[in-house]
Amino acid sequence: MVRVLYFASARDLTEKEYDDVDIAKTFKGSNTVPLTTLLDYIERLYVGKKIFQSALFAVNDEYRDRTSDVDVKNSDEVVVIPPVSGG
């Protein structure tokens, strides 16, 4: 399974620390899917919550933007990092 971890406002909006997504089961036998496909699926789980608005992402500790041409597979970790403000 891919573990999708939520921080800050993303955690507040989902009311969860993470979601586990079984790639093969969720995407009909595929071993990998593009990051954008996984994120689209997660957004459908939380319709209207805008959990990815202005967020950054990390896949296995490497920062990616939403349009990155990277595939994810079971055993990967995706981290959702909302914008941080401070003073």
PDB file of N, CA and C in Angstrom:
ATOM      1  N   MET A   1       0.826  -1.186   0.000  1.00  0.00           N
ATOM      2  CA  MET A   1       0.000   0.000   0.000  1.00  0.00           C
ATOM      3  C   MET A   1       0.870   1.249   0.000  1.00  0.00           C
ATOM      4  N   VAL A   2       0.355   2.288  -0.616  1.00  0.00           N
ATOM      5  CA  VAL A   2       0.969   3.607  -0.539  1.00  0.00           C
ATOM      6  C   VAL A   2       0.386   4.287   0.697  1.00  0.00           C
ATOM      7  N   ARG A   3       1.239   4.806   1.534  1.00  0.00           N
ATOM      8  CA  ARG A   3       0.767   5.575   2.687  1.00  0.00           C
ATOM      9  C   ARG A   3       0.836   7.048   2.313  1.00  0.00           C
ATOM     10  N   VAL A   4      -0.306   7.729   2.420  1.00  0.00           N
ATOM     11  CA  VAL A   4      -0.402   9.160   2.160  1.00  0.00           C
ATOM     12  C   VAL A   4      -0.554   9.842   3.516  1.00  0.00           C
ATOM     13  N   LEU A   5       0.483  10.578   3.920  1.00  0.00           N
ATOM     14  CA  LEU A   5       0.505  11.246   5.223  1.00  0.00           C
ATOM     15  C   LEU A   5       0.036  12.689   5.093  1.00  0.00           C
ATOM     16  N   TYR A   6      -0.768  13.130   6.044  1.00  0.00           N
ATOM     17  CA  TYR A   6      -1.297  14.489   6.041  1.00  0.00           C
ATOM     18  C   TYR A   6      -0.731  15.280   7.214  1.00  0.00           C
ATOM     19  N   PHE A   7      -0.381  16.526   6.959  1.00  0.00           N
ATOM     20  CA  PHE A   7       0.113  17.415   8.002  1.00  0.00           C
ATOM     21  C   PHE A   7      -0.706  18.702   8.016  1.00  0.00           C
ATOM     22  N   ALA A   8      -0.717  19.364   9.159  1.00  0.00           N
ATOM     23  CA  ALA A   8      -1.311  20.697   9.344  1.00  0.00           C
ATOM     24  C   ALA A   8      -2.748  20.746   8.832  1.00  0.00           C
ATOM     25  N   SER A   9      -3.053  21.692   7.952  1.00  0.00           N
ATOM     26  CA  SER A   9      -4.436  21.865   7.503  1.00  0.00           C
ATOM     27  C   SER A   9      -4.958  20.648   6.747  1.00  0.00           C
ATOM     28  N   ALA A  10      -4.095  19.925   6.052  1.00  0.00           N
ATOM     29  CA  ALA A  10      -4.539  18.714   5.352  1.00  0.00           C
ATOM     30  C   ALA A  10      -5.040  17.679   6.359  1.00  0.00           C
ATOM     31  N   ARG A  11      -4.359  17.569   7.482  1.00  0.00           N
ATOM     32  CA  ARG A  11      -4.804  16.649   8.539  1.00  0.00           C
ATOM     33  C   ARG A  11      -6.135  17.127   9.126  1.00  0.00           C
ATOM     34  N   ASP A  12      -6.260  18.422   9.322  1.00  0.00           N
ATOM     35  CA  ASP A  12      -7.514  18.963   9.859  1.00  0.00           C
ATOM     36  C   ASP A  12      -8.685  18.691   8.914  1.00  0.00           C
ATOM     37  N   LEU A  13      -8.464  18.882   7.624  1.00  0.00           N
ATOM     38  CA  LEU A  13      -9.541  18.706   6.649  1.00  0.00           C
ATOM     39  C   LEU A  13      -9.939  17.248   6.464  1.00  0.00           C
ATOM     40  N   THR A  14      -8.977  16.345   6.488  1.00  0.00           N
ATOM     41  CA  THR A  14      -9.286  14.923   6.315  1.00  0.00           C
ATOM     42  C   THR A  14      -9.716  14.271   7.623  1.00  0.00           C
ATOM     43  N   GLU A  15      -9.355  14.911   8.734  1.00  0.00           N
ATOM     44  CA  GLU A  15      -9.587  14.359  10.067  1.00  0.00           C
ATOM     45  C   GLU A  15      -8.873  13.020  10.247  1.00  0.00           C
ATOM     46  N   LYS A  16      -7.746  12.884   9.546  1.00  0.00           N
ATOM     47  CA  LYS A  16      -6.930  11.671   9.611  1.00  0.00           C
ATOM     48  C   LYS A  16      -5.460  12.050   9.573  1.00  0.00           C
ATOM     49  N   GLU A  17      -4.622  11.160  10.091  1.00  0.00           N
ATOM     50  CA  GLU A  17      -3.181  11.344   9.963  1.00  0.00           C
ATOM     51  C   GLU A  17      -2.685  10.817   8.626  1.00  0.00           C
ATOM     52  N   TYR A  18      -3.382   9.817   8.084  1.00  0.00           N
ATOM     53  CA  TYR A  18      -2.946   9.215   6.824  1.00  0.00           C
ATOM     54  C   TYR A  18      -4.070   8.404   6.197  1.00  0.00           C
ATOM     55  N   ASP A  19      -3.889   8.082   4.916  1.00  0.00           N
ATOM     56  CA  ASP A  19      -4.695   7.101   4.196  1.00  0.00           C
ATOM     57  C   ASP A  19      -3.739   6.083   3.609  1.00  0.00           C
ATOM     58  N   ASP A  20      -4.137   4.822   3.617  1.00  0.00           N
ATOM     59  CA  ASP A  20      -3.398   3.774   2.921  1.00  0.00           C
ATOM     60  C   ASP A  20      -4.180   3.410   1.670  1.00  0.00           C
ATOM     61  N   VAL A  21      -3.502   3.407   0.526  1.00  0.00           N
ATOM     62  CA  VAL A  21      -4.150   3.103  -0.746  1.00  0.00           C
ATOM     63  C   VAL A  21      -3.433   1.916  -1.375  1.00  0.00           C
ATOM     64  N   ASP A  22      -4.176   0.844  -1.620  1.00  0.00           N
ATOM     65  CA  ASP A  22      -3.629  -0.326  -2.306  1.00  0.00           C
ATOM     66  C   ASP A  22      -3.705  -0.055  -3.804  1.00  0.00           C
ATOM     67  N   ILE A  23      -2.575   0.185  -4.412  1.00  0.00           N
ATOM     68  CA  ILE A  23      -2.529   0.573  -5.830  1.00  0.00           C
ATOM     69  C   ILE A  23      -3.168  -0.490  -6.719  1.00  0.00           C
ATOM     70  N   ALA A  24      -2.777  -1.754  -6.557  1.00  0.00           N
ATOM     71  CA  ALA A  24      -3.291  -2.820  -7.418  1.00  0.00           C
ATOM     72  C   ALA A  24      -4.810  -2.968  -7.284  1.00  0.00           C
ATOM     73  N   LYS A  25      -5.302  -2.881  -6.085  1.00  0.00           N
ATOM     74  CA  LYS A  25      -6.740  -3.040  -5.843  1.00  0.00           C
ATOM     75  C   LYS A  25      -7.529  -1.815  -6.302  1.00  0.00           C
ATOM     76  N   THR A  26      -7.031  -0.645  -6.004  1.00  0.00           N
ATOM     77  CA  THR A  26      -7.743   0.597  -6.311  1.00  0.00           C
ATOM     78  C   THR A  26      -7.710   0.927  -7.798  1.00  0.00           C
ATOM     79  N   PHE A  27      -6.606   0.592  -8.461  1.00  0.00           N
ATOM     80  CA  PHE A  27      -6.428   0.967  -9.864  1.00  0.00           C
ATOM     81  C   PHE A  27      -6.382  -0.253 -10.773  1.00  0.00           C
ATOM     82  N   LYS A  28      -7.209  -1.246 -10.475  1.00  0.00           N
ATOM     83  CA  LYS A  28      -7.470  -2.408 -11.338  1.00  0.00           C
ATOM     84  C   LYS A  28      -6.225  -3.136 -11.810  1.00  0.00           C
ATOM     85  N   GLY A  29      -5.426  -3.595 -10.879  1.00  0.00           N
ATOM     86  CA  GLY A  29      -4.298  -4.444 -11.213  1.00  0.00           C
ATOM     87  C   GLY A  29      -3.024  -3.728 -11.604  1.00  0.00           C
ATOM     88  N   SER A  30      -3.028  -2.405 -11.635  1.00  0.00           N
ATOM     89  CA  SER A  30      -1.804  -1.667 -11.957  1.00  0.00           C
ATOM     90  C   SER A  30      -0.798  -1.810 -10.821  1.00  0.00           C
ATOM     91  N   ASN A  31       0.462  -1.899 -11.177  1.00  0.00           N
ATOM     92  CA  ASN A  31       1.518  -1.930 -10.160  1.00  0.00           C
ATOM     93  C   ASN A  31       1.979  -0.535  -9.773  1.00  0.00           C
ATOM     94  N   THR A  32       1.824   0.409 -10.686  1.00  0.00           N
ATOM     95  CA  THR A  32       2.198   1.801 -10.431  1.00  0.00           C
ATOM     96  C   THR A  32       1.143   2.716 -11.053  1.00  0.00           C
ATOM     97  N   VAL A  33       1.065   3.930 -10.514  1.00  0.00           N
ATOM     98  CA  VAL A  33       0.221   4.975 -11.109  1.00  0.00           C
ATOM     99  C   VAL A  33       0.963   6.297 -10.975  1.00  0.00           C
ATOM    100  N   PRO A  34       0.695   7.233 -11.874  1.00  0.00           N
ATOM    101  CA  PRO A  34       1.299   8.555 -11.731  1.00  0.00           C
ATOM    102  C   PRO A  34       0.838   9.224 -10.430  1.00  0.00           C
ATOM    103  N   LEU A  35       1.704  10.025  -9.860  1.00  0.00           N
ATOM    104  CA  LEU A  35       1.359  10.761  -8.649  1.00  0.00           C
ATOM    105  C   LEU A  35       0.059  11.534  -8.837  1.00  0.00           C
ATOM    106  N   THR A  36      -0.120  12.158  -9.986  1.00  0.00           N
ATOM    107  CA  THR A  36      -1.337  12.944 -10.228  1.00  0.00           C
ATOM    108  C   THR A  36      -2.591  12.076 -10.139  1.00  0.00           C
ATOM    109  N   THR A  37      -2.512  10.847 -10.611  1.00  0.00           N
ATOM    110  CA  THR A  37      -3.655   9.931 -10.549  1.00  0.00           C
ATOM    111  C   THR A  37      -3.996   9.587  -9.104  1.00  0.00           C
ATOM    112  N   LEU A  38      -2.979   9.314  -8.304  1.00  0.00           N
ATOM    113  CA  LEU A  38      -3.205   9.026  -6.888  1.00  0.00           C
ATOM    114  C   LEU A  38      -3.829  10.237  -6.193  1.00  0.00           C
ATOM    115  N   LEU A  39      -3.311  11.426  -6.450  1.00  0.00           N
ATOM    116  CA  LEU A  39      -3.834  12.630  -5.806  1.00  0.00           C
ATOM    117  C   LEU A  39      -5.269  12.918  -6.238  1.00  0.00           C
ATOM    118  N   ASP A  40      -5.583  12.676  -7.506  1.00  0.00           N
ATOM    119  CA  ASP A  40      -6.963  12.838  -7.973  1.00  0.00           C
ATOM    120  C   ASP A  40      -7.895  11.888  -7.223  1.00  0.00           C
ATOM    121  N   TYR A  41      -7.449  10.655  -7.019  1.00  0.00           N
ATOM    122  CA  TYR A  41      -8.242   9.671  -6.276  1.00  0.00           C
ATOM    123  C   TYR A  41      -8.485  10.149  -4.840  1.00  0.00           C
ATOM    124  N   ILE A  42      -7.440  10.618  -4.183  1.00  0.00           N
ATOM    125  CA  ILE A  42      -7.574  11.097  -2.802  1.00  0.00           C
ATOM    126  C   ILE A  42      -8.536  12.286  -2.741  1.00  0.00           C
ATOM    127  N   GLU A  43      -8.438  13.192  -3.700  1.00  0.00           N
ATOM    128  CA  GLU A  43      -9.347  14.347  -3.710  1.00  0.00           C
ATOM    129  C   GLU A  43     -10.801  13.920  -3.833  1.00  0.00           C
ATOM    130  N   ARG A  44     -11.057  12.845  -4.581  1.00  0.00           N
ATOM    131  CA  ARG A  44     -12.431  12.354  -4.706  1.00  0.00           C
ATOM    132  C   ARG A  44     -12.946  11.792  -3.378  1.00  0.00           C
ATOM    133  N   LEU A  45     -12.051  11.325  -2.523  1.00  0.00           N
ATOM    134  CA  LEU A  45     -12.463  10.835  -1.203  1.00  0.00           C
ATOM    135  C   LEU A  45     -12.922  11.979  -0.304  1.00  0.00           C
ATOM    136  N   TYR A  46     -12.387  13.170  -0.544  1.00  0.00           N
ATOM    137  CA  TYR A  46     -12.659  14.334   0.305  1.00  0.00           C
ATOM    138  C   TYR A  46     -13.210  15.484  -0.536  1.00  0.00           C
ATOM    139  N   VAL A  47     -14.269  15.224  -1.248  1.00  0.00           N
ATOM    140  CA  VAL A  47     -14.861  16.189  -2.179  1.00  0.00           C
ATOM    141  C   VAL A  47     -15.116  17.526  -1.485  1.00  0.00           C
ATOM    142  N   GLY A  48     -14.661  18.601  -2.133  1.00  0.00           N
ATOM    143  CA  GLY A  48     -14.921  19.947  -1.657  1.00  0.00           C
ATOM    144  C   GLY A  48     -14.015  20.439  -0.544  1.00  0.00           C
ATOM    145  N   LYS A  49     -13.073  19.617  -0.088  1.00  0.00           N
ATOM    146  CA  LYS A  49     -12.250  20.026   1.051  1.00  0.00           C
ATOM    147  C   LYS A  49     -10.958  20.733   0.655  1.00  0.00           C
ATOM    148  N   LYS A  50     -10.569  20.673  -0.604  1.00  0.00           N
ATOM    149  CA  LYS A  50      -9.378  21.376  -1.103  1.00  0.00           C
ATOM    150  C   LYS A  50      -8.136  21.086  -0.259  1.00  0.00           C
ATOM    151  N   ILE A  51      -7.908  19.812   0.020  1.00  0.00           N
ATOM    152  CA  ILE A  51      -6.794  19.455   0.901  1.00  0.00           C
ATOM    153  C   ILE A  51      -5.433  19.666   0.249  1.00  0.00           C
ATOM    154  N   PHE A  52      -5.400  19.732  -1.082  1.00  0.00           N
ATOM    155  CA  PHE A  52      -4.113  19.885  -1.757  1.00  0.00           C
ATOM    156  C   PHE A  52      -3.853  21.306  -2.231  1.00  0.00           C
ATOM    157  N   GLN A  53      -4.742  22.246  -1.913  1.00  0.00           N
ATOM    158  CA  GLN A  53      -4.580  23.620  -2.381  1.00  0.00           C
ATOM    159  C   GLN A  53      -3.250  24.189  -1.898  1.00  0.00           C
ATOM    160  N   SER A  54      -2.402  24.551  -2.830  1.00  0.00           N
ATOM    161  CA  SER A  54      -1.082  25.143  -2.568  1.00  0.00           C
ATOM    162  C   SER A  54      -0.126  24.219  -1.815  1.00  0.00           C
ATOM    163  N   ALA A  55      -0.432  22.941  -1.766  1.00  0.00           N
ATOM    164  CA  ALA A  55       0.417  22.005  -1.019  1.00  0.00           C
ATOM    165  C   ALA A  55       1.647  21.599  -1.824  1.00  0.00           C
ATOM    166  N   LEU A  56       2.664  21.207  -1.093  1.00  0.00           N
ATOM    167  CA  LEU A  56       3.826  20.534  -1.664  1.00  0.00           C
ATOM    168  C   LEU A  56       3.684  19.055  -1.347  1.00  0.00           C
ATOM    169  N   PHE A  57       4.436  18.248  -2.067  1.00  0.00           N
ATOM    170  CA  PHE A  57       4.371  16.808  -1.866  1.00  0.00           C
ATOM    171  C   PHE A  57       5.781  16.251  -1.790  1.00  0.00           C
ATOM    172  N   ALA A  58       5.918  15.166  -1.066  1.00  0.00           N
ATOM    173  CA  ALA A  58       7.174  14.420  -1.054  1.00  0.00           C
ATOM    174  C   ALA A  58       6.824  12.961  -1.314  1.00  0.00           C
ATOM    175  N   VAL A  59       7.583  12.360  -2.211  1.00  0.00           N
ATOM    176  CA  VAL A  59       7.437  10.934  -2.485  1.00  0.00           C
ATOM    177  C   VAL A  59       8.743  10.285  -2.064  1.00  0.00           C
ATOM    178  N   ASN A  60       8.655   9.443  -1.045  1.00  0.00           N
ATOM    179  CA  ASN A  60       9.850   8.780  -0.507  1.00  0.00           C
ATOM    180  C   ASN A  60      10.963   9.780  -0.210  1.00  0.00           C
ATOM    181  N   ASP A  61      10.601  10.850   0.483  1.00  0.00           N
ATOM    182  CA  ASP A  61      11.538  11.880   0.952  1.00  0.00           C
ATOM    183  C   ASP A  61      12.108  12.774  -0.144  1.00  0.00           C
ATOM    184  N   GLU A  62      11.527  12.741  -1.338  1.00  0.00           N
ATOM    185  CA  GLU A  62      11.947  13.647  -2.412  1.00  0.00           C
ATOM    186  C   GLU A  62      10.786  14.578  -2.737  1.00  0.00           C
ATOM    187  N   TYR A  63      11.036  15.886  -2.647  1.00  0.00           N
ATOM    188  CA  TYR A  63       9.982  16.854  -2.924  1.00  0.00           C
ATOM    189  C   TYR A  63       9.559  16.788  -4.383  1.00  0.00           C
ATOM    190  N   ARG A  64       8.247  16.878  -4.589  1.00  0.00           N
ATOM    191  CA  ARG A  64       7.653  16.851  -5.930  1.00  0.00           C
ATOM    192  C   ARG A  64       6.516  17.855  -5.960  1.00  0.00           C
ATOM    193  N   ASP A  65       6.237  18.394  -7.156  1.00  0.00           N
ATOM    194  CA  ASP A  65       5.004  19.159  -7.258  1.00  0.00           C
ATOM    195  C   ASP A  65       3.938  18.239  -7.838  1.00  0.00           C
ATOM    196  N   ARG A  66       2.726  18.732  -7.829  1.00  0.00           N
ATOM    197  CA  ARG A  66       1.606  17.877  -8.220  1.00  0.00           C
ATOM    198  C   ARG A  66       1.733  17.346  -9.639  1.00  0.00           C
ATOM    199  N   THR A  67       2.374  18.081 -10.503  1.00  0.00           N
ATOM    200  CA  THR A  67       2.480  17.667 -11.903  1.00  0.00           C
ATOM    201  C   THR A  67       3.751  16.873 -12.193  1.00  0.00           C
ATOM    202  N   SER A  68       4.485  16.507 -11.168  1.00  0.00           N
ATOM    203  CA  SER A  68       5.721  15.742 -11.374  1.00  0.00           C
ATOM    204  C   SER A  68       5.434  14.447 -12.117  1.00  0.00           C
ATOM    205  N   ASP A  69       6.326  14.126 -13.011  1.00  0.00           N
ATOM    206  CA  ASP A  69       6.210  12.896 -13.792  1.00  0.00           C
ATOM    207  C   ASP A  69       6.861  11.758 -13.001  1.00  0.00           C
ATOM    208  N   VAL A  70       6.196  11.350 -11.914  1.00  0.00           N
ATOM    209  CA  VAL A  70       6.725  10.283 -11.075  1.00  0.00           C
ATOM    210  C   VAL A  70       5.597   9.293 -10.807  1.00  0.00           C
ATOM    211  N   ASP A  71       5.931   8.016 -10.868  1.00  0.00           N
ATOM    212  CA  ASP A  71       4.966   6.973 -10.553  1.00  0.00           C
ATOM    213  C   ASP A  71       5.122   6.554  -9.107  1.00  0.00           C
ATOM    214  N   VAL A  72       4.013   6.164  -8.493  1.00  0.00           N
ATOM    215  CA  VAL A  72       4.045   5.636  -7.133  1.00  0.00           C
ATOM    216  C   VAL A  72       3.580   4.192  -7.163  1.00  0.00           C
ATOM    217  N   LYS A  73       4.078   3.426  -6.209  1.00  0.00           N
ATOM    218  CA  LYS A  73       3.743   2.004  -6.120  1.00  0.00           C
ATOM    219  C   LYS A  73       3.510   1.653  -4.660  1.00  0.00           C
ATOM    220  N   ASN A  74       2.929   0.472  -4.446  1.00  0.00           N
ATOM    221  CA  ASN A  74       2.768  -0.001  -3.081  1.00  0.00           C
ATOM    222  C   ASN A  74       4.131  -0.008  -2.410  1.00  0.00           C
ATOM    223  N   SER A  75       4.171   0.359  -1.171  1.00  0.00           N
ATOM    224  CA  SER A  75       5.370   0.515  -0.320  1.00  0.00           C
ATOM    225  C   SER A  75       5.944   1.927  -0.376  1.00  0.00           C
ATOM    226  N   ASP A  76       5.443   2.786  -1.275  1.00  0.00           N
ATOM    227  CA  ASP A  76       5.893   4.179  -1.306  1.00  0.00           C
ATOM    228  C   ASP A  76       5.172   4.986  -0.229  1.00  0.00           C
ATOM    229  N   GLU A  77       5.765   6.127   0.097  1.00  0.00           N
ATOM    230  CA  GLU A  77       5.158   7.054   1.047  1.00  0.00           C
ATOM    231  C   GLU A  77       5.027   8.413   0.376  1.00  0.00           C
ATOM    232  N   VAL A  78       3.827   8.962   0.424  1.00  0.00           N
ATOM    233  CA  VAL A  78       3.549  10.286  -0.125  1.00  0.00           C
ATOM    234  C   VAL A  78       3.159  11.186   1.043  1.00  0.00           C
ATOM    235  N   VAL A  79       3.819  12.327   1.145  1.00  0.00           N
ATOM    236  CA  VAL A  79       3.551  13.267   2.230  1.00  0.00           C
ATOM    237  C   VAL A  79       2.934  14.531   1.641  1.00  0.00           C
ATOM    238  N   VAL A  80       1.824  14.965   2.236  1.00  0.00           N
ATOM    239  CA  VAL A  80       1.143  16.193   1.826  1.00  0.00           C
ATOM    240  C   VAL A  80       1.557  17.289   2.798  1.00  0.00           C
ATOM    241  N   ILE A  81       2.198  18.334   2.268  1.00  0.00           N
ATOM    242  CA  ILE A  81       2.731  19.414   3.094  1.00  0.00           C
ATOM    243  C   ILE A  81       2.037  20.717   2.698  1.00  0.00           C
ATOM    244  N   PRO A  82       1.033  21.129   3.469  1.00  0.00           N
ATOM    245  CA  PRO A  82       0.346  22.387   3.169  1.00  0.00           C
ATOM    246  C   PRO A  82       1.277  23.578   3.373  1.00  0.00           C
ATOM    247  N   PRO A  83       0.898  24.744   2.829  1.00  0.00           N
ATOM    248  CA  PRO A  83       1.720  25.935   3.030  1.00  0.00           C
ATOM    249  C   PRO A  83       1.861  26.249   4.520  1.00  0.00           C
ATOM    250  N   VAL A  84       3.005  26.760   4.870  1.00  0.00           N
ATOM    251  CA  VAL A  84       3.289  27.109   6.262  1.00  0.00           C
ATOM    252  C   VAL A  84       3.474  28.614   6.334  1.00  0.00           C
ATOM    253  N   SER A  85       2.858  29.226   7.326  1.00  0.00           N
ATOM    254  CA  SER A  85       3.062  30.663   7.511  1.00  0.00           C
ATOM    255  C   SER A  85       3.601  30.897   8.909  1.00  0.00           C
ATOM    256  N   GLY A  86       4.250  31.975   9.049  1.00  0.00           N
ATOM    257  CA  GLY A  86       4.807  32.283  10.364  1.00  0.00           C
ATOM    258  C   GLY A  86       5.279  33.719  10.405  1.00  0.00           C
ATOM    259  N   GLY A  87       5.777  34.081  11.513  1.00  0.00           N
ATOM    260  CA  GLY A  87       6.200  35.458  11.620  1.00  0.00           C
ATOM    261  C   GLY A  87       7.426  35.599  12.465  1.00  0.00           C
TER     262      GLY A  87
END
